[in-house]
Amino acid sequence: MKKQDIMITVDVIIQKENKVLLIQRKFEPFKDKWALPGGFVEDDEEVITAALRELKEETRADLSEDTLEFVGYFDAPDRDPRGRVISFAFGTDLNGTVPLEAGDDAADAQWFSIHELPELAFDHRTILASWLEE
């Protein structure tokens, strides 16, 4: 059995009332599809730090660590076409407002009703369902 490299990512759910913040992917895989803000964890950072960094890079939303709750990890072997990727998801139910502007590898950032979601990249519908069940 060949050992494969395992990559670690983070995904962030920002919910405000009955809406969730999504980004439109600028690059493959899933170019132009909507997704949760997130990305790869760098070698020298913790997953919560990566979640906050990716959120700020992709949406300009600047939250603090104590606002995020751990949702779970998602490790289906085929969840990402780039290889074996395990994602740690975090979420928050936002009370205030955050400035919203697409940045980094996000083409757009928008609020969507949780009842009228577009097709989502990767397994992000599953991740979002885990958050909404809580």
Protein backbone atom coordinates (compact mmCIF):
# COMPACT_ATOMS: atom_id res chain seq x y z
CA MET A 1 0.00 0.00 0.00
CA LYS A 2 1.43 3.33 -1.09
CA LYS A 3 1.44 6.09 1.50
CA GLN A 4 -0.03 9.32 0.18
CA ASP A 5 0.47 12.89 1.24
CA ILE A 6 -2.35 14.28 3.32
CA MET A 7 -3.23 17.95 3.02
CA ILE A 8 -5.12 19.90 5.68
CA THR A 9 -7.63 22.63 4.92
CA VAL A 10 -10.08 24.78 6.86
CA ASP A 11 -13.59 25.91 5.99
CA VAL A 12 -15.50 28.70 7.72
CA ILE A 13 -19.26 29.06 8.06
CA ILE A 14 -20.47 32.59 8.75
CA GLN A 15 -24.20 32.60 9.38
CA LYS A 16 -26.30 35.71 9.91
CA GLU A 17 -29.94 35.02 10.62
CA ASN A 18 -31.04 32.74 7.76
CA LYS A 19 -28.13 33.59 5.46
CA VAL A 20 -24.67 32.15 4.99
CA LEU A 21 -21.58 33.79 3.52
CA LEU A 22 -20.17 32.08 0.41
CA ILE A 23 -17.32 32.88 -1.94
CA GLN A 24 -17.19 32.23 -5.66
CA ARG A 25 -14.02 30.32 -6.52
CA LYS A 26 -11.65 32.07 -8.90
CA PHE A 27 -9.57 28.99 -9.75
CA GLU A 28 -9.90 25.26 -10.35
CA PRO A 29 -11.00 22.96 -8.98
CA PHE A 30 -14.61 24.08 -9.06
CA LYS A 31 -13.82 27.40 -10.75
CA ASP A 32 -16.85 29.75 -10.61
CA LYS A 33 -18.68 27.50 -8.12
CA TRP A 34 -19.74 28.79 -4.72
CA ALA A 35 -17.97 27.55 -1.61
CA LEU A 36 -17.40 28.25 2.04
CA PRO A 37 -14.45 30.56 2.67
CA GLY A 38 -11.35 28.50 3.45
CA GLY A 39 -8.12 27.06 2.21
CA PHE A 40 -4.92 25.25 3.06
CA VAL A 41 -3.29 25.33 6.47
CA GLU A 42 0.29 26.58 6.29
CA ASP A 43 3.11 24.57 7.88
CA ASP A 44 3.62 27.00 10.75
CA GLU A 45 0.03 27.69 11.82
CA GLU A 46 -2.76 26.14 13.84
CA VAL A 47 -6.05 25.32 12.13
CA ILE A 48 -8.00 28.07 13.93
CA THR A 49 -5.38 30.63 12.85
CA ALA A 50 -5.64 29.35 9.28
CA ALA A 51 -9.43 29.66 9.39
CA LEU A 52 -9.25 33.31 10.46
CA ARG A 53 -6.52 34.08 7.90
CA GLU A 54 -8.40 32.46 5.01
CA LEU A 55 -11.64 34.18 5.97
CA LYS A 56 -9.92 37.57 5.98
CA GLU A 57 -8.04 36.88 2.72
CA GLU A 58 -11.15 35.77 0.84
CA THR A 59 -13.85 38.05 2.27
CA ARG A 60 -12.03 40.81 4.19
CA ALA A 61 -14.05 39.75 7.28
CA ASP A 62 -11.82 40.10 10.33
CA LEU A 63 -13.10 37.99 13.22
CA SER A 64 -11.45 36.94 16.45
CA GLU A 65 -10.67 33.38 17.51
CA ASP A 66 -13.26 33.39 20.29
CA THR A 67 -16.09 33.98 17.79
CA LEU A 68 -15.55 30.66 15.98
CA GLU A 69 -16.91 27.30 17.11
CA PHE A 70 -15.48 23.98 15.96
CA VAL A 71 -18.01 22.25 13.67
CA GLY A 72 -16.10 19.06 12.87
CA TYR A 73 -13.60 17.46 10.57
CA PHE A 74 -14.42 16.13 7.12
CA ASP A 75 -12.19 13.40 5.77
CA ALA A 76 -13.93 11.44 3.02
CA PRO A 77 -11.06 10.14 0.85
CA ASP A 78 -12.65 11.50 -2.35
CA ARG A 79 -13.80 14.90 -1.02
CA ASP A 80 -11.23 16.87 -3.05
CA PRO A 81 -10.03 16.14 -6.61
CA ARG A 82 -6.52 17.44 -5.73
CA GLY A 83 -5.81 14.47 -3.48
CA ARG A 84 -6.27 13.36 0.11
CA VAL A 85 -7.52 16.42 1.99
CA ILE A 86 -8.87 16.61 5.53
CA SER A 87 -10.81 19.75 6.37
CA PHE A 88 -11.47 21.26 9.79
CA ALA A 89 -14.62 23.38 9.79
CA PHE A 90 -15.49 26.28 12.06
CA GLY A 91 -18.62 28.38 12.28
CA THR A 92 -20.17 31.41 13.88
CA ASP A 93 -23.60 32.93 14.15
CA LEU A 94 -22.85 36.56 13.45
CA ASN A 95 -24.65 39.21 15.46
CA GLY A 96 -23.06 42.34 14.02
CA THR A 97 -21.98 43.34 10.56
CA VAL A 98 -18.75 42.64 8.74
CA PRO A 99 -17.35 44.46 5.73
CA LEU A 100 -17.65 42.21 2.72
CA GLU A 101 -15.34 42.27 -0.29
CA ALA A 102 -13.98 39.39 -2.36
CA GLY A 103 -10.22 39.02 -2.17
CA ASP A 104 -7.34 36.59 -2.77
CA ASP A 105 -8.61 33.59 -4.75
CA ALA A 106 -12.30 34.54 -4.41
CA ALA A 107 -13.99 36.10 -7.44
CA ASP A 108 -16.99 37.21 -5.38
CA ALA A 109 -18.43 37.00 -1.86
CA GLN A 110 -22.16 37.09 -1.17
CA TRP A 111 -24.80 36.23 1.40
CA PHE A 112 -27.19 33.41 0.42
CA SER A 113 -30.38 32.24 2.07
CA ILE A 114 -29.83 28.86 3.72
CA HIS A 115 -33.08 27.83 2.00
CA GLU A 116 -31.89 28.79 -1.52
CA LEU A 117 -28.25 27.77 -1.79
CA PRO A 118 -26.47 27.48 -5.13
CA GLU A 119 -24.56 24.34 -6.06
CA LEU A 120 -21.58 24.18 -3.69
CA ALA A 121 -18.01 23.02 -4.36
CA PHE A 122 -16.39 20.03 -2.67
CA ASP A 123 -18.50 18.63 0.20
CA HIS A 124 -19.46 22.05 1.48
CA ARG A 125 -23.18 21.25 1.49
CA THR A 126 -22.42 18.41 3.93
CA ILE A 127 -20.27 20.69 6.09
CA LEU A 128 -22.98 23.35 6.14
CA ALA A 129 -25.62 20.74 7.02
CA SER A 130 -23.52 19.68 10.03
CA TRP A 131 -23.48 23.27 11.27
CA LEU A 132 -27.20 23.83 10.70
CA GLU A 133 -28.12 20.64 12.57
CA GLU A 134 -26.56 21.96 15.80
